[in-house]
Amino acid sequence: MRLTIASVGKFRGGPLEALYAEYASRLSWPLDLKEVEEKRPLKGEKRKSREAELLMNAVPTGATVIALDEGGREMSSPDFAALLGRYADDGVQNLAFLIGGADGHSEQTLKSADRLLSLGAMTWPHLMVRGLLAEQLYRAASILANHPYHRA
């Protein structure tokens, strides 16, 4: 199973990029980061709509899409691992995670996603979410492999 993280914004070095790289490098699944950025000064729904277009263009054709959104379902790490395990068992070839910009996802993105996932009730900077998600992907792979990284 190939994983893609499509995210609004671009890393420009620093600790958040290092955090992401640390966990991405540990994954046994191939992981691609697709960074998208709208440089025009669009506002509100126009900005979210344009970011939605850029994100969806970064998703591999036929991928199962999970949008990270505060209104999504919260999952424990073992439940997240079980979900990824089911996707792998079901033959999902490409799994894409969408991380929106500062204003969140467009309604179009939320409706077209196969699943909405929340990393909790708190709001996180979208560049930080990449590292948090990469860590949870690594943790899920560790749980599925019975590796001692997850000590619950």
Protein backbone atom coordinates (compact mmCIF):
# COMPACT_ATOMS: atom_id res chain seq x y z
CA MET A 1 0.00 0.00 0.00
CA ARG A 2 1.35 3.42 -0.98
CA LEU A 3 0.62 6.39 1.25
CA THR A 4 0.35 10.01 0.17
CA ILE A 5 0.06 13.06 2.37
CA ALA A 6 -1.27 15.99 0.34
CA SER A 7 -0.93 19.15 2.37
CA VAL A 8 -1.39 22.87 1.93
CA GLY A 9 1.81 24.81 2.59
CA LYS A 10 5.48 24.11 2.15
CA PHE A 11 8.20 23.17 4.58
CA ARG A 12 11.03 25.65 4.70
CA GLY A 13 13.36 23.70 6.95
CA GLY A 14 13.33 23.62 10.72
CA PRO A 15 12.11 21.30 13.47
CA LEU A 16 8.68 20.53 11.97
CA GLU A 17 10.26 19.26 8.77
CA ALA A 18 12.78 17.24 10.81
CA LEU A 19 9.97 15.70 12.87
CA TYR A 20 8.10 14.69 9.72
CA ALA A 21 11.26 13.29 8.10
CA GLU A 22 12.15 11.26 11.19
CA TYR A 23 8.90 9.30 11.22
CA ALA A 24 8.45 9.17 7.44
CA SER A 25 11.88 7.53 7.15
CA ARG A 26 10.88 4.79 9.60
CA LEU A 27 7.80 3.69 7.68
CA SER A 28 7.77 0.38 5.84
CA TRP A 29 5.01 1.65 3.53
CA PRO A 30 6.14 4.05 0.79
CA LEU A 31 5.11 7.59 1.74
CA ASP A 32 4.97 10.58 -0.60
CA LEU A 33 4.49 14.14 0.60
CA LYS A 34 2.76 16.39 -1.93
CA GLU A 35 2.94 20.03 -0.91
CA VAL A 36 0.55 22.46 -2.57
CA GLU A 37 0.37 26.21 -2.22
CA GLU A 38 -1.85 28.92 -3.63
CA LYS A 39 0.16 32.11 -3.94
CA ARG A 40 -2.67 34.41 -5.02
CA PRO A 41 -4.29 36.40 -2.18
CA LEU A 42 -7.65 34.61 -2.30
CA LYS A 43 -9.95 34.79 0.71
CA GLY A 44 -12.60 32.61 2.34
CA GLU A 45 -14.44 30.10 0.19
CA LYS A 46 -12.46 31.02 -2.93
CA ARG A 47 -9.23 30.10 -1.15
CA LYS A 48 -10.64 26.85 0.24
CA SER A 49 -12.01 25.93 -3.17
CA ARG A 50 -8.66 26.56 -4.86
CA GLU A 51 -6.79 24.61 -2.17
CA ALA A 52 -9.27 21.75 -2.62
CA GLU A 53 -8.48 21.68 -6.33
CA LEU A 54 -4.74 21.64 -5.66
CA LEU A 55 -5.05 18.90 -3.03
CA MET A 56 -7.21 16.66 -5.21
CA ASN A 57 -4.79 17.07 -8.12
CA ALA A 58 -2.04 15.75 -5.82
CA VAL A 59 -3.96 12.57 -4.98
CA PRO A 60 -3.13 9.44 -6.99
CA THR A 61 -5.93 8.28 -9.28
CA GLY A 62 -8.21 5.81 -7.55
CA ALA A 63 -6.80 6.46 -4.06
CA THR A 64 -8.88 6.07 -0.94
CA VAL A 65 -9.02 9.58 0.55
CA ILE A 66 -8.95 10.47 4.24
CA ALA A 67 -9.38 14.18 5.01
CA LEU A 68 -8.06 15.39 8.34
CA ASP A 69 -10.72 17.63 9.82
CA GLU A 70 -11.77 18.72 13.29
CA GLY A 71 -15.24 17.31 12.60
CA GLY A 72 -13.87 13.89 11.69
CA ARG A 73 -13.82 10.77 13.79
CA GLU A 74 -11.27 10.56 16.58
CA MET A 75 -9.56 7.18 16.80
CA SER A 76 -7.19 5.52 19.22
CA SER A 77 -3.83 4.45 17.81
CA PRO A 78 -4.83 0.74 17.86
CA ASP A 79 -8.09 1.57 16.05
CA PHE A 80 -6.19 3.59 13.46
CA ALA A 81 -3.80 0.67 12.99
CA ALA A 82 -6.74 -1.69 12.56
CA LEU A 83 -8.23 0.64 9.92
CA LEU A 84 -4.97 0.71 7.97
CA GLY A 85 -4.70 -3.06 8.31
CA ARG A 86 -8.19 -3.47 6.84
CA TYR A 87 -7.32 -1.18 3.94
CA ALA A 88 -4.18 -3.24 3.26
CA ASP A 89 -6.11 -6.53 3.56
CA ASP A 90 -8.79 -5.20 1.20
CA GLY A 91 -6.15 -4.48 -1.42
CA VAL A 92 -6.20 -0.69 -1.26
CA GLN A 93 -3.28 0.32 -3.46
CA ASN A 94 -3.16 4.03 -2.60
CA LEU A 95 -4.25 5.76 0.56
CA ALA A 96 -4.16 9.57 0.59
CA PHE A 97 -4.42 11.87 3.59
CA LEU A 98 -5.45 15.49 3.00
CA ILE A 99 -4.31 18.29 5.29
CA GLY A 100 -6.03 21.60 4.59
CA GLY A 101 -4.78 25.11 5.05
CA ALA A 102 -5.43 27.62 7.81
CA ASP A 103 -9.12 27.90 6.88
CA GLY A 104 -9.68 24.14 6.71
CA HIS A 105 -11.15 22.06 3.90
CA SER A 106 -13.86 23.06 1.46
CA GLU A 107 -17.28 21.41 1.73
CA GLN A 108 -16.52 19.74 -1.60
CA THR A 109 -13.41 18.09 -0.14
CA LEU A 110 -15.23 16.94 2.98
CA LYS A 111 -18.06 15.44 0.93
CA SER A 112 -15.79 13.68 -1.55
CA ALA A 113 -13.46 12.14 1.06
CA ASP A 114 -13.95 8.47 1.88
CA ARG A 115 -13.40 9.20 5.57
CA LEU A 116 -12.92 12.19 7.87
CA LEU A 117 -10.34 11.81 10.61
CA SER A 118 -9.66 14.10 13.56
CA LEU A 119 -6.41 14.18 15.51
CA GLY A 120 -8.35 15.58 18.46
CA ALA A 121 -10.41 18.56 19.49
CA MET A 122 -7.45 20.93 19.59
CA THR A 123 -6.39 22.94 16.56
CA TRP A 124 -2.90 22.16 15.24
CA PRO A 125 -0.76 24.10 12.76
CA HIS A 126 -1.09 22.32 9.41
CA LEU A 127 2.69 21.94 9.06
CA MET A 128 2.84 20.29 12.49
CA VAL A 129 0.02 17.90 11.57
CA ARG A 130 2.32 16.30 8.98
CA GLY A 131 4.69 15.16 11.73
CA LEU A 132 1.86 14.02 13.98
CA LEU A 133 0.32 12.03 11.15
CA ALA A 134 3.66 10.51 10.11
CA GLU A 135 4.23 9.40 13.72
CA GLN A 136 0.77 7.81 13.88
CA LEU A 137 1.36 6.04 10.56
CA TYR A 138 4.63 4.67 11.93
CA ARG A 139 2.90 3.70 15.19
CA ALA A 140 0.14 1.93 13.24
CA ALA A 141 2.68 -0.01 11.19
CA SER A 142 4.47 -0.94 14.42
CA ILE A 143 1.24 -2.15 16.02
CA LEU A 144 0.41 -4.25 12.96
CA ALA A 145 3.92 -5.76 13.01
CA ASN A 146 3.77 -6.45 16.78
CA HIS A 147 6.79 -4.18 17.24
CA PRO A 148 7.26 -2.88 20.82
CA TYR A 149 7.21 0.83 19.80
CA HIS A 150 3.56 1.12 20.91
CA ARG A 151 3.56 0.23 24.59
CA ALA A 152 -0.12 0.43 25.46
